[in-house]
Amino acid sequence: MHDSNLQFDSLCEYVLKSVNAGTLHHGMLIECSDEELSLELAHITANALVCTGENKPCGICSACVKAKNNNHPDIFETDGRTKKSDAFTIDSVREIRANAFIVPNEANAKVYILKNGQNMNEQAQNALLKILEEPPSYVYFIILTTTKSSMLETVISRVSTYSILSKTDNITDEEREYVSEFVSAILCPNELKLMEHTSKYIKNNRLAGRVLELLSAVCRDALVQKSGFSGEFGFPEEVNSLCNSLTAKSLINLVNICNDLEAAVKRNVNNNLLTVRMCYEFKRAIGR
């Protein structure tokens, strides 16, 4: 079994716990290179949101049966398969937005699954942003994308991001070493260690972006473990260290900061300024 499936199981547990606790964010962004895997998580989440049973999804209520058969009237799927598709034009997104303000037909929630979100242009994303900022209490958006870098930072800031890592084979020994060192540097009380580590990225934006991407996933796994779920993660030692050393709030802060810094790397910000910001943001995230 590959790490993506192992992480999938943990993410699924975490999301379903959030649904049952009523704490799931109204905007979700699922990043995964495996479209079938991300769609499976979206379907499970949507099913749980419309379920009328106690332990959602119960699998036996009429809502669950309809969701399983892909004919529940309050679950909508839109697929922007290609950039030329009219599924994610500004007009089509406006139609989705208008429809979202109509109360659900049967369930207590309306769920919009937007597949291949990487093909949504800037104008369409800005149109979607308007409802992501203040969605009706019953509306949930699940955006699927092969890479979150295709989404505007303003959109990412309004959703909870869930990244399902690809195979461990795709993670090089160098990347593993950098992630491990980064975690140690963040947890080390000696701030000099963090400064020394982040300085290694000054001349390598590609590596910085990749390590931040992996570090975000590791912090998210630690948060999942912190919530009481066990799983086989791609970086088990690092996940344990973060889980045992930091609060859930600090882990959430780290995930958000990793995402923000990764976006900054993609904008080719000044490397020296990026290093300074890394040190400051990571120290602030864990309350130093």
C-alpha atoms as a PDB file:
ATOM      1  CA  MET A   1       0.000   0.000   0.000  1.00  0.00           C
ATOM      2  CA  HIS A   2       1.317   3.427  -0.921  1.00  0.00           C
ATOM      3  CA  ASP A   3       1.583   6.382   1.439  1.00  0.00           C
ATOM      4  CA  SER A   4      -1.178   8.191  -0.461  1.00  0.00           C
ATOM      5  CA  ASN A   5      -3.703   5.500   0.545  1.00  0.00           C
ATOM      6  CA  LEU A   6      -2.451   5.397   4.110  1.00  0.00           C
ATOM      7  CA  GLN A   7      -2.747   9.133   4.404  1.00  0.00           C
ATOM      8  CA  PHE A   8      -6.131   8.957   2.674  1.00  0.00           C
ATOM      9  CA  ASP A   9      -7.485   6.738   5.460  1.00  0.00           C
ATOM     10  CA  SER A  10      -6.280   9.137   8.139  1.00  0.00           C
ATOM     11  CA  LEU A  11      -7.646  12.191   6.335  1.00  0.00           C
ATOM     12  CA  CYS A  12     -10.956  10.435   5.831  1.00  0.00           C
ATOM     13  CA  GLU A  13     -11.225   9.700   9.559  1.00  0.00           C
ATOM     14  CA  TYR A  14     -10.303  13.271  10.412  1.00  0.00           C
ATOM     15  CA  VAL A  15     -12.831  14.789   7.996  1.00  0.00           C
ATOM     16  CA  LEU A  16     -15.644  12.501   9.154  1.00  0.00           C
ATOM     17  CA  LYS A  17     -14.914  13.364  12.784  1.00  0.00           C
ATOM     18  CA  SER A  18     -15.215  17.039  11.826  1.00  0.00           C
ATOM     19  CA  VAL A  19     -18.538  16.390  10.062  1.00  0.00           C
ATOM     20  CA  ASN A  20     -19.977  14.559  13.064  1.00  0.00           C
ATOM     21  CA  ALA A  21     -18.729  17.261  15.421  1.00  0.00           C
ATOM     22  CA  GLY A  22     -20.203  19.988  13.210  1.00  0.00           C
ATOM     23  CA  THR A  23     -16.805  21.656  12.799  1.00  0.00           C
ATOM     24  CA  LEU A  24     -16.073  20.981   9.127  1.00  0.00           C
ATOM     25  CA  HIS A  25     -15.088  24.127   7.247  1.00  0.00           C
ATOM     26  CA  HIS A  26     -17.561  25.221   4.560  1.00  0.00           C
ATOM     27  CA  GLY A  27     -14.779  25.318   1.982  1.00  0.00           C
ATOM     28  CA  MET A  28     -12.466  22.367   1.328  1.00  0.00           C
ATOM     29  CA  LEU A  29      -9.591  22.130  -1.134  1.00  0.00           C
ATOM     30  CA  ILE A  30      -8.379  18.580  -1.789  1.00  0.00           C
ATOM     31  CA  GLU A  31      -5.005  18.436  -3.522  1.00  0.00           C
ATOM     32  CA  CYS A  32      -4.028  15.090  -5.027  1.00  0.00           C
ATOM     33  CA  SER A  33      -2.407  13.886  -8.251  1.00  0.00           C
ATOM     34  CA  ASP A  34      -4.744  10.862  -8.173  1.00  0.00           C
ATOM     35  CA  GLU A  35      -8.119  12.226  -9.293  1.00  0.00           C
ATOM     36  CA  GLU A  36      -9.999   9.073  -8.310  1.00  0.00           C
ATOM     37  CA  LEU A  37      -8.606   9.191  -4.780  1.00  0.00           C
ATOM     38  CA  SER A  38      -9.508  12.841  -4.247  1.00  0.00           C
ATOM     39  CA  LEU A  39     -12.987  12.261  -5.705  1.00  0.00           C
ATOM     40  CA  GLU A  40     -13.495   9.329  -3.340  1.00  0.00           C
ATOM     41  CA  LEU A  41     -12.728  11.554  -0.344  1.00  0.00           C
ATOM     42  CA  ALA A  42     -15.095  14.211  -1.748  1.00  0.00           C
ATOM     43  CA  HIS A  43     -17.914  11.667  -2.154  1.00  0.00           C
ATOM     44  CA  ILE A  44     -17.443  10.290   1.357  1.00  0.00           C
ATOM     45  CA  THR A  45     -17.490  13.826   2.765  1.00  0.00           C
ATOM     46  CA  ALA A  46     -20.574  14.824   0.764  1.00  0.00           C
ATOM     47  CA  ASN A  47     -22.358  11.642   1.805  1.00  0.00           C
ATOM     48  CA  ALA A  48     -21.642  12.360   5.467  1.00  0.00           C
ATOM     49  CA  LEU A  49     -22.896  15.940   5.140  1.00  0.00           C
ATOM     50  CA  VAL A  50     -26.317  14.897   3.784  1.00  0.00           C
ATOM     51  CA  CYS A  51     -26.671  11.793   5.987  1.00  0.00           C
ATOM     52  CA  THR A  52     -29.607  11.819   8.413  1.00  0.00           C
ATOM     53  CA  GLY A  53     -28.192   9.114  10.682  1.00  0.00           C
ATOM     54  CA  GLU A  54     -26.277   9.624  13.911  1.00  0.00           C
ATOM     55  CA  ASN A  55     -22.836   8.288  12.980  1.00  0.00           C
ATOM     56  CA  LYS A  56     -22.325   9.927   9.607  1.00  0.00           C
ATOM     57  CA  PRO A  57     -22.300   8.470   7.047  1.00  0.00           C
ATOM     58  CA  CYS A  58     -24.521   5.718   8.434  1.00  0.00           C
ATOM     59  CA  GLY A  59     -24.826   4.016   5.045  1.00  0.00           C
ATOM     60  CA  ILE A  60     -28.434   2.936   5.572  1.00  0.00           C
ATOM     61  CA  CYS A  61     -30.606   6.067   5.558  1.00  0.00           C
ATOM     62  CA  SER A  62     -32.292   7.113   2.324  1.00  0.00           C
ATOM     63  CA  ALA A  63     -29.874  10.030   1.949  1.00  0.00           C
ATOM     64  CA  CYS A  64     -26.882   7.671   2.100  1.00  0.00           C
ATOM     65  CA  VAL A  65     -28.469   5.333  -0.443  1.00  0.00           C
ATOM     66  CA  LYS A  66     -29.094   8.220  -2.830  1.00  0.00           C
ATOM     67  CA  ALA A  67     -25.591   9.592  -2.328  1.00  0.00           C
ATOM     68  CA  LYS A  68     -24.094   6.167  -3.036  1.00  0.00           C
ATOM     69  CA  ASN A  69     -26.112   5.962  -6.260  1.00  0.00           C
ATOM     70  CA  ASN A  70     -25.032   9.510  -7.244  1.00  0.00           C
ATOM     71  CA  ASN A  71     -28.603  10.833  -7.345  1.00  0.00           C
ATOM     72  CA  HIS A  72     -28.967  12.886  -4.162  1.00  0.00           C
ATOM     73  CA  PRO A  73     -30.613  16.217  -5.099  1.00  0.00           C
ATOM     74  CA  ASP A  74     -28.407  18.227  -2.725  1.00  0.00           C
ATOM     75  CA  ILE A  75     -25.041  16.986  -4.006  1.00  0.00           C
ATOM     76  CA  PHE A  76     -23.789  18.696  -7.162  1.00  0.00           C
ATOM     77  CA  GLU A  77     -20.724  17.860  -9.261  1.00  0.00           C
ATOM     78  CA  THR A  78     -19.113  20.139 -11.835  1.00  0.00           C
ATOM     79  CA  ASP A  79     -16.096  19.024 -13.838  1.00  0.00           C
ATOM     80  CA  GLY A  80     -13.686  21.472 -15.443  1.00  0.00           C
ATOM     81  CA  ARG A  81     -11.919  18.679 -17.279  1.00  0.00           C
ATOM     82  CA  THR A  82      -9.977  21.013 -19.553  1.00  0.00           C
ATOM     83  CA  LYS A  83      -9.112  24.687 -19.583  1.00  0.00           C
ATOM     84  CA  LYS A  84     -11.401  25.060 -22.594  1.00  0.00           C
ATOM     85  CA  SER A  85     -14.341  23.575 -20.722  1.00  0.00           C
ATOM     86  CA  ASP A  86     -17.260  25.922 -20.077  1.00  0.00           C
ATOM     87  CA  ALA A  87     -17.803  24.327 -16.639  1.00  0.00           C
ATOM     88  CA  PHE A  88     -15.728  26.949 -14.853  1.00  0.00           C
ATOM     89  CA  THR A  89     -16.384  30.097 -16.831  1.00  0.00           C
ATOM     90  CA  ILE A  90     -17.264  33.145 -14.779  1.00  0.00           C
ATOM     91  CA  ASP A  91     -20.914  32.802 -15.844  1.00  0.00           C
ATOM     92  CA  SER A  92     -21.113  29.135 -14.819  1.00  0.00           C
ATOM     93  CA  VAL A  93     -19.567  29.911 -11.431  1.00  0.00           C
ATOM     94  CA  ARG A  94     -22.059  32.729 -10.972  1.00  0.00           C
ATOM     95  CA  GLU A  95     -24.838  30.215 -11.664  1.00  0.00           C
ATOM     96  CA  ILE A  96     -23.404  27.889  -9.023  1.00  0.00           C
ATOM     97  CA  ARG A  97     -23.212  30.805  -6.615  1.00  0.00           C
ATOM     98  CA  ALA A  98     -26.835  31.780  -7.266  1.00  0.00           C
ATOM     99  CA  ASN A  99     -28.014  28.188  -6.873  1.00  0.00           C
ATOM    100  CA  ALA A 100     -26.176  27.905  -3.572  1.00  0.00           C
ATOM    101  CA  PHE A 101     -28.501  30.466  -1.990  1.00  0.00           C
ATOM    102  CA  ILE A 102     -31.525  28.244  -2.661  1.00  0.00           C
ATOM    103  CA  VAL A 103     -32.290  26.115   0.392  1.00  0.00           C
ATOM    104  CA  PRO A 104     -31.591  22.354   0.163  1.00  0.00           C
ATOM    105  CA  ASN A 105     -34.215  20.032  -1.323  1.00  0.00           C
ATOM    106  CA  GLU A 106     -34.024  17.266   1.269  1.00  0.00           C
ATOM    107  CA  ALA A 107     -30.921  17.426   3.441  1.00  0.00           C
ATOM    108  CA  ASN A 108     -29.661  19.986   5.920  1.00  0.00           C
ATOM    109  CA  ALA A 109     -26.743  20.720   3.593  1.00  0.00           C
ATOM    110  CA  LYS A 110     -25.979  21.415  -0.060  1.00  0.00           C
ATOM    111  CA  VAL A 111     -22.619  20.156  -1.304  1.00  0.00           C
ATOM    112  CA  TYR A 112     -20.821  21.339  -4.426  1.00  0.00           C
ATOM    113  CA  ILE A 113     -17.963  19.163  -5.682  1.00  0.00           C
ATOM    114  CA  LEU A 114     -15.836  21.101  -8.177  1.00  0.00           C
ATOM    115  CA  LYS A 115     -13.567  18.648 -10.007  1.00  0.00           C
ATOM    116  CA  ASN A 116     -10.345  19.666 -11.780  1.00  0.00           C
ATOM    117  CA  GLY A 117     -10.258  23.016 -10.050  1.00  0.00           C
ATOM    118  CA  GLN A 118      -6.781  23.605 -11.498  1.00  0.00           C
ATOM    119  CA  ASN A 119      -8.556  24.602 -14.710  1.00  0.00           C
ATOM    120  CA  MET A 120     -10.579  27.384 -13.080  1.00  0.00           C
ATOM    121  CA  ASN A 121      -9.358  30.753 -14.342  1.00  0.00           C
ATOM    122  CA  GLU A 122      -8.754  33.807 -12.185  1.00  0.00           C
ATOM    123  CA  GLN A 123     -12.070  35.473 -13.009  1.00  0.00           C
ATOM    124  CA  ALA A 124     -14.026  32.339 -12.106  1.00  0.00           C
ATOM    125  CA  GLN A 125     -12.081  31.908  -8.859  1.00  0.00           C
ATOM    126  CA  ASN A 126     -12.822  35.491  -7.889  1.00  0.00           C
ATOM    127  CA  ALA A 127     -16.506  34.856  -8.561  1.00  0.00           C
ATOM    128  CA  LEU A 128     -16.372  31.785  -6.334  1.00  0.00           C
ATOM    129  CA  LEU A 129     -14.475  33.711  -3.661  1.00  0.00           C
ATOM    130  CA  LYS A 130     -17.506  35.904  -3.006  1.00  0.00           C
ATOM    131  CA  ILE A 131     -19.505  32.976  -1.656  1.00  0.00           C
ATOM    132  CA  LEU A 132     -16.530  31.301   0.012  1.00  0.00           C
ATOM    133  CA  GLU A 133     -16.123  34.436   2.119  1.00  0.00           C
ATOM    134  CA  GLU A 134     -19.707  34.348   3.431  1.00  0.00           C
ATOM    135  CA  PRO A 135     -21.412  31.062   2.494  1.00  0.00           C
ATOM    136  CA  PRO A 136     -24.938  30.188   3.623  1.00  0.00           C
ATOM    137  CA  SER A 137     -24.789  28.026   6.754  1.00  0.00           C
ATOM    138  CA  TYR A 138     -25.927  24.933   4.854  1.00  0.00           C
ATOM    139  CA  VAL A 139     -23.519  25.175   1.873  1.00  0.00           C
ATOM    140  CA  TYR A 140     -20.232  23.298   1.488  1.00  0.00           C
ATOM    141  CA  PHE A 141     -17.771  23.547  -1.392  1.00  0.00           C
ATOM    142  CA  ILE A 142     -15.270  20.769  -2.099  1.00  0.00           C
ATOM    143  CA  ILE A 143     -12.696  21.825  -4.684  1.00  0.00           C
ATOM    144  CA  LEU A 144     -10.499  19.108  -6.196  1.00  0.00           C
ATOM    145  CA  THR A 145      -7.193  20.030  -7.770  1.00  0.00           C
ATOM    146  CA  THR A 146      -3.999  18.310  -8.829  1.00  0.00           C
ATOM    147  CA  THR A 147      -2.027  21.251  -7.416  1.00  0.00           C
ATOM    148  CA  LYS A 148      -3.104  23.982  -5.029  1.00  0.00           C
ATOM    149  CA  SER A 149      -0.672  26.372  -6.726  1.00  0.00           C
ATOM    150  CA  SER A 150      -3.311  26.743  -9.434  1.00  0.00           C
ATOM    151  CA  MET A 151      -5.627  28.429  -6.937  1.00  0.00           C
ATOM    152  CA  LEU A 152      -5.518  32.084  -5.935  1.00  0.00           C
ATOM    153  CA  GLU A 153      -4.063  32.827  -2.521  1.00  0.00           C
ATOM    154  CA  THR A 154      -7.323  34.560  -1.590  1.00  0.00           C
ATOM    155  CA  VAL A 155      -9.220  31.330  -2.333  1.00  0.00           C
ATOM    156  CA  ILE A 156      -6.733  29.195  -0.391  1.00  0.00           C
ATOM    157  CA  SER A 157      -7.086  31.538   2.585  1.00  0.00           C
ATOM    158  CA  ARG A 158     -10.846  30.868   2.672  1.00  0.00           C
ATOM    159  CA  VAL A 159     -10.717  27.045   2.607  1.00  0.00           C
ATOM    160  CA  SER A 160      -9.225  24.155   4.538  1.00  0.00           C
ATOM    161  CA  THR A 161      -6.600  22.433   2.414  1.00  0.00           C
ATOM    162  CA  TYR A 162      -6.146  18.673   2.472  1.00  0.00           C
ATOM    163  CA  SER A 163      -3.173  17.318   0.526  1.00  0.00           C
ATOM    164  CA  ILE A 164      -2.910  13.614  -0.220  1.00  0.00           C
ATOM    165  CA  LEU A 165       0.727  12.805  -0.896  1.00  0.00           C
ATOM    166  CA  SER A 166       1.730  10.670  -3.858  1.00  0.00           C
ATOM    167  CA  LYS A 167       3.939   7.593  -3.547  1.00  0.00           C
ATOM    168  CA  THR A 168       6.937   7.621  -1.244  1.00  0.00           C
ATOM    169  CA  ASP A 169       9.001   6.869  -4.364  1.00  0.00           C
ATOM    170  CA  ASN A 170       8.425  10.464  -5.419  1.00  0.00           C
ATOM    171  CA  ILE A 171      10.089  11.800  -2.266  1.00  0.00           C
ATOM    172  CA  THR A 172      13.860  11.875  -2.671  1.00  0.00           C
ATOM    173  CA  ASP A 173      16.339  11.077   0.089  1.00  0.00           C
ATOM    174  CA  GLU A 174      17.437  14.726  -0.012  1.00  0.00           C
ATOM    175  CA  GLU A 175      13.873  15.931   0.508  1.00  0.00           C
ATOM    176  CA  ARG A 176      13.383  13.507   3.392  1.00  0.00           C
ATOM    177  CA  GLU A 177      16.548  14.743   5.037  1.00  0.00           C
ATOM    178  CA  TYR A 178      15.544  18.386   4.644  1.00  0.00           C
ATOM    179  CA  VAL A 179      12.068  17.785   6.082  1.00  0.00           C
ATOM    180  CA  SER A 180      13.528  15.931   9.055  1.00  0.00           C
ATOM    181  CA  GLU A 181      16.055  18.709   9.689  1.00  0.00           C
ATOM    182  CA  PHE A 182      13.335  21.344   9.339  1.00  0.00           C
ATOM    183  CA  VAL A 183      11.146  19.683  11.980  1.00  0.00           C
ATOM    184  CA  SER A 184      14.111  19.407  14.363  1.00  0.00           C
ATOM    185  CA  ALA A 185      14.987  23.065  13.771  1.00  0.00           C
ATOM    186  CA  ILE A 186      11.426  24.225  14.444  1.00  0.00           C
ATOM    187  CA  LEU A 187      11.274  22.312  17.729  1.00  0.00           C
ATOM    188  CA  CYS A 188      14.787  23.222  18.861  1.00  0.00           C
ATOM    189  CA  PRO A 189      14.817  25.915  21.597  1.00  0.00           C
ATOM    190  CA  ASN A 190      18.003  27.293  20.045  1.00  0.00           C
ATOM    191  CA  GLU A 191      16.747  29.727  17.385  1.00  0.00           C
ATOM    192  CA  LEU A 192      20.116  29.627  15.644  1.00  0.00           C
ATOM    193  CA  LYS A 193      19.382  26.122  14.393  1.00  0.00           C
ATOM    194  CA  LEU A 194      16.280  27.361  12.553  1.00  0.00           C
ATOM    195  CA  MET A 195      18.239  30.226  11.011  1.00  0.00           C
ATOM    196  CA  GLU A 196      20.980  27.856   9.875  1.00  0.00           C
ATOM    197  CA  HIS A 197      18.505  25.485   8.284  1.00  0.00           C
ATOM    198  CA  THR A 198      16.399  28.054   6.432  1.00  0.00           C
ATOM    199  CA  SER A 199      19.539  29.660   5.025  1.00  0.00           C
ATOM    200  CA  LYS A 200      20.048  26.505   2.958  1.00  0.00           C
ATOM    201  CA  TYR A 201      17.145  27.520   0.703  1.00  0.00           C
ATOM    202  CA  ILE A 202      18.518  30.923  -0.291  1.00  0.00           C
ATOM    203  CA  LYS A 203      19.745  29.699  -3.666  1.00  0.00           C
ATOM    204  CA  ASN A 204      17.244  26.907  -4.250  1.00  0.00           C
ATOM    205  CA  ASN A 205      13.630  27.993  -4.604  1.00  0.00           C
ATOM    206  CA  ARG A 206      12.581  24.675  -6.108  1.00  0.00           C
ATOM    207  CA  LEU A 207      13.786  22.758  -3.060  1.00  0.00           C
ATOM    208  CA  ALA A 208      12.248  25.327  -0.701  1.00  0.00           C
ATOM    209  CA  GLY A 209       8.840  24.970  -2.326  1.00  0.00           C
ATOM    210  CA  ARG A 210       8.951  21.191  -2.285  1.00  0.00           C
ATOM    211  CA  VAL A 211      10.115  20.949   1.339  1.00  0.00           C
ATOM    212  CA  LEU A 212       7.425  23.408   2.458  1.00  0.00           C
ATOM    213  CA  GLU A 213       4.844  21.315   0.616  1.00  0.00           C
ATOM    214  CA  LEU A 214       5.986  18.158   2.406  1.00  0.00           C
ATOM    215  CA  LEU A 215       6.326  19.936   5.751  1.00  0.00           C
ATOM    216  CA  SER A 216       2.729  21.135   5.453  1.00  0.00           C
ATOM    217  CA  ALA A 217       1.582  17.536   4.955  1.00  0.00           C
ATOM    218  CA  VAL A 218       3.667  16.342   7.925  1.00  0.00           C
ATOM    219  CA  CYS A 219       2.143  19.027  10.177  1.00  0.00           C
ATOM    220  CA  ARG A 220      -1.318  18.065   8.971  1.00  0.00           C
ATOM    221  CA  ASP A 221      -0.602  14.409   9.747  1.00  0.00           C
ATOM    222  CA  ALA A 222       0.550  15.427  13.221  1.00  0.00           C
ATOM    223  CA  LEU A 223      -2.725  17.291  13.678  1.00  0.00           C
ATOM    224  CA  VAL A 224      -4.656  14.188  12.608  1.00  0.00           C
ATOM    225  CA  GLN A 225      -2.696  12.097  15.125  1.00  0.00           C
ATOM    226  CA  LYS A 226      -3.261  14.784  17.762  1.00  0.00           C
ATOM    227  CA  SER A 227      -6.998  14.347  17.203  1.00  0.00           C
ATOM    228  CA  GLY A 228      -6.744  10.737  18.305  1.00  0.00           C
ATOM    229  CA  PHE A 229      -6.356   8.910  15.009  1.00  0.00           C
ATOM    230  CA  SER A 230      -3.554   6.455  14.355  1.00  0.00           C
ATOM    231  CA  GLY A 231      -2.092   5.874  10.924  1.00  0.00           C
ATOM    232  CA  GLU A 232       0.986   4.907   8.999  1.00  0.00           C
ATOM    233  CA  PHE A 233       2.412   8.227   7.815  1.00  0.00           C
ATOM    234  CA  GLY A 234       5.181   8.940   5.337  1.00  0.00           C
ATOM    235  CA  PHE A 235       7.257  10.679   8.038  1.00  0.00           C
ATOM    236  CA  PRO A 236       6.310   8.805  11.245  1.00  0.00           C
ATOM    237  CA  GLU A 237       9.139  10.066  13.468  1.00  0.00           C
ATOM    238  CA  GLU A 238       8.605  13.689  12.481  1.00  0.00           C
ATOM    239  CA  VAL A 239       4.832  13.352  12.954  1.00  0.00           C
ATOM    240  CA  ASN A 240       5.342  11.921  16.446  1.00  0.00           C
ATOM    241  CA  SER A 241       7.774  14.680  17.392  1.00  0.00           C
ATOM    242  CA  LEU A 242       5.409  17.443  16.295  1.00  0.00           C
ATOM    243  CA  CYS A 243       2.360  15.760  17.816  1.00  0.00           C
ATOM    244  CA  ASN A 244       4.061  15.287  21.198  1.00  0.00           C
ATOM    245  CA  SER A 245       5.677  18.725  21.308  1.00  0.00           C
ATOM    246  CA  LEU A 246       3.040  21.136  19.979  1.00  0.00           C
ATOM    247  CA  THR A 247      -0.579  22.039  20.583  1.00  0.00           C
ATOM    248  CA  ALA A 248      -3.269  21.579  17.933  1.00  0.00           C
ATOM    249  CA  LYS A 249      -3.397  25.362  17.510  1.00  0.00           C
ATOM    250  CA  SER A 250       0.342  25.516  16.811  1.00  0.00           C
ATOM    251  CA  LEU A 251       0.064  22.700  14.279  1.00  0.00           C
ATOM    252  CA  ILE A 252      -2.747  24.519  12.476  1.00  0.00           C
ATOM    253  CA  ASN A 253      -0.594  27.652  12.448  1.00  0.00           C
ATOM    254  CA  LEU A 254       2.294  25.692  10.939  1.00  0.00           C
ATOM    255  CA  VAL A 255       0.108  24.267   8.177  1.00  0.00           C
ATOM    256  CA  ASN A 256      -1.162  27.719   7.249  1.00  0.00           C
ATOM    257  CA  ILE A 257       2.333  29.233   7.323  1.00  0.00           C
ATOM    258  CA  CYS A 258       3.758  26.447   5.153  1.00  0.00           C
ATOM    259  CA  ASN A 259       1.027  27.091   2.592  1.00  0.00           C
ATOM    260  CA  ASP A 260       1.617  30.858   2.664  1.00  0.00           C
ATOM    261  CA  LEU A 261       5.382  30.491   2.303  1.00  0.00           C
ATOM    262  CA  GLU A 262       5.021  27.943  -0.490  1.00  0.00           C
ATOM    263  CA  ALA A 263       2.870  30.447  -2.383  1.00  0.00           C
ATOM    264  CA  ALA A 264       5.525  33.114  -1.761  1.00  0.00           C
ATOM    265  CA  VAL A 265       8.188  30.835  -3.237  1.00  0.00           C
ATOM    266  CA  LYS A 266       6.088  30.384  -6.367  1.00  0.00           C
ATOM    267  CA  ARG A 267       5.924  34.181  -6.700  1.00  0.00           C
ATOM    268  CA  ASN A 268       9.748  34.232  -6.683  1.00  0.00           C
ATOM    269  CA  VAL A 269      10.017  36.577  -3.720  1.00  0.00           C
ATOM    270  CA  ASN A 270      13.471  37.773  -2.666  1.00  0.00           C
ATOM    271  CA  ASN A 271      15.332  34.774  -1.229  1.00  0.00           C
ATOM    272  CA  ASN A 272      16.916  36.667   1.658  1.00  0.00           C
ATOM    273  CA  LEU A 273      13.572  38.113   2.700  1.00  0.00           C
ATOM    274  CA  LEU A 274      12.013  34.667   2.405  1.00  0.00           C
ATOM    275  CA  THR A 275      14.581  33.223   4.809  1.00  0.00           C
ATOM    276  CA  VAL A 276      13.971  35.970   7.361  1.00  0.00           C
ATOM    277  CA  ARG A 277      10.223  35.482   7.053  1.00  0.00           C
ATOM    278  CA  MET A 278      10.587  31.707   7.524  1.00  0.00           C
ATOM    279  CA  CYS A 279      12.400  32.160  10.821  1.00  0.00           C
ATOM    280  CA  TYR A 280       9.946  34.749  12.092  1.00  0.00           C
ATOM    281  CA  GLU A 281       6.767  32.941  11.016  1.00  0.00           C
ATOM    282  CA  PHE A 282       7.759  29.510  12.321  1.00  0.00           C
ATOM    283  CA  LYS A 283       8.829  30.894  15.692  1.00  0.00           C
ATOM    284  CA  ARG A 284       5.580  32.851  15.948  1.00  0.00           C
ATOM    285  CA  ALA A 285       3.535  29.780  15.006  1.00  0.00           C
ATOM    286  CA  ILE A 286       4.726  27.819  18.012  1.00  0.00           C
ATOM    287  CA  GLY A 287       4.557  30.759  20.402  1.00  0.00           C
ATOM    288  CA  ARG A 288       8.179  31.824  20.668  1.00  0.00           C
END
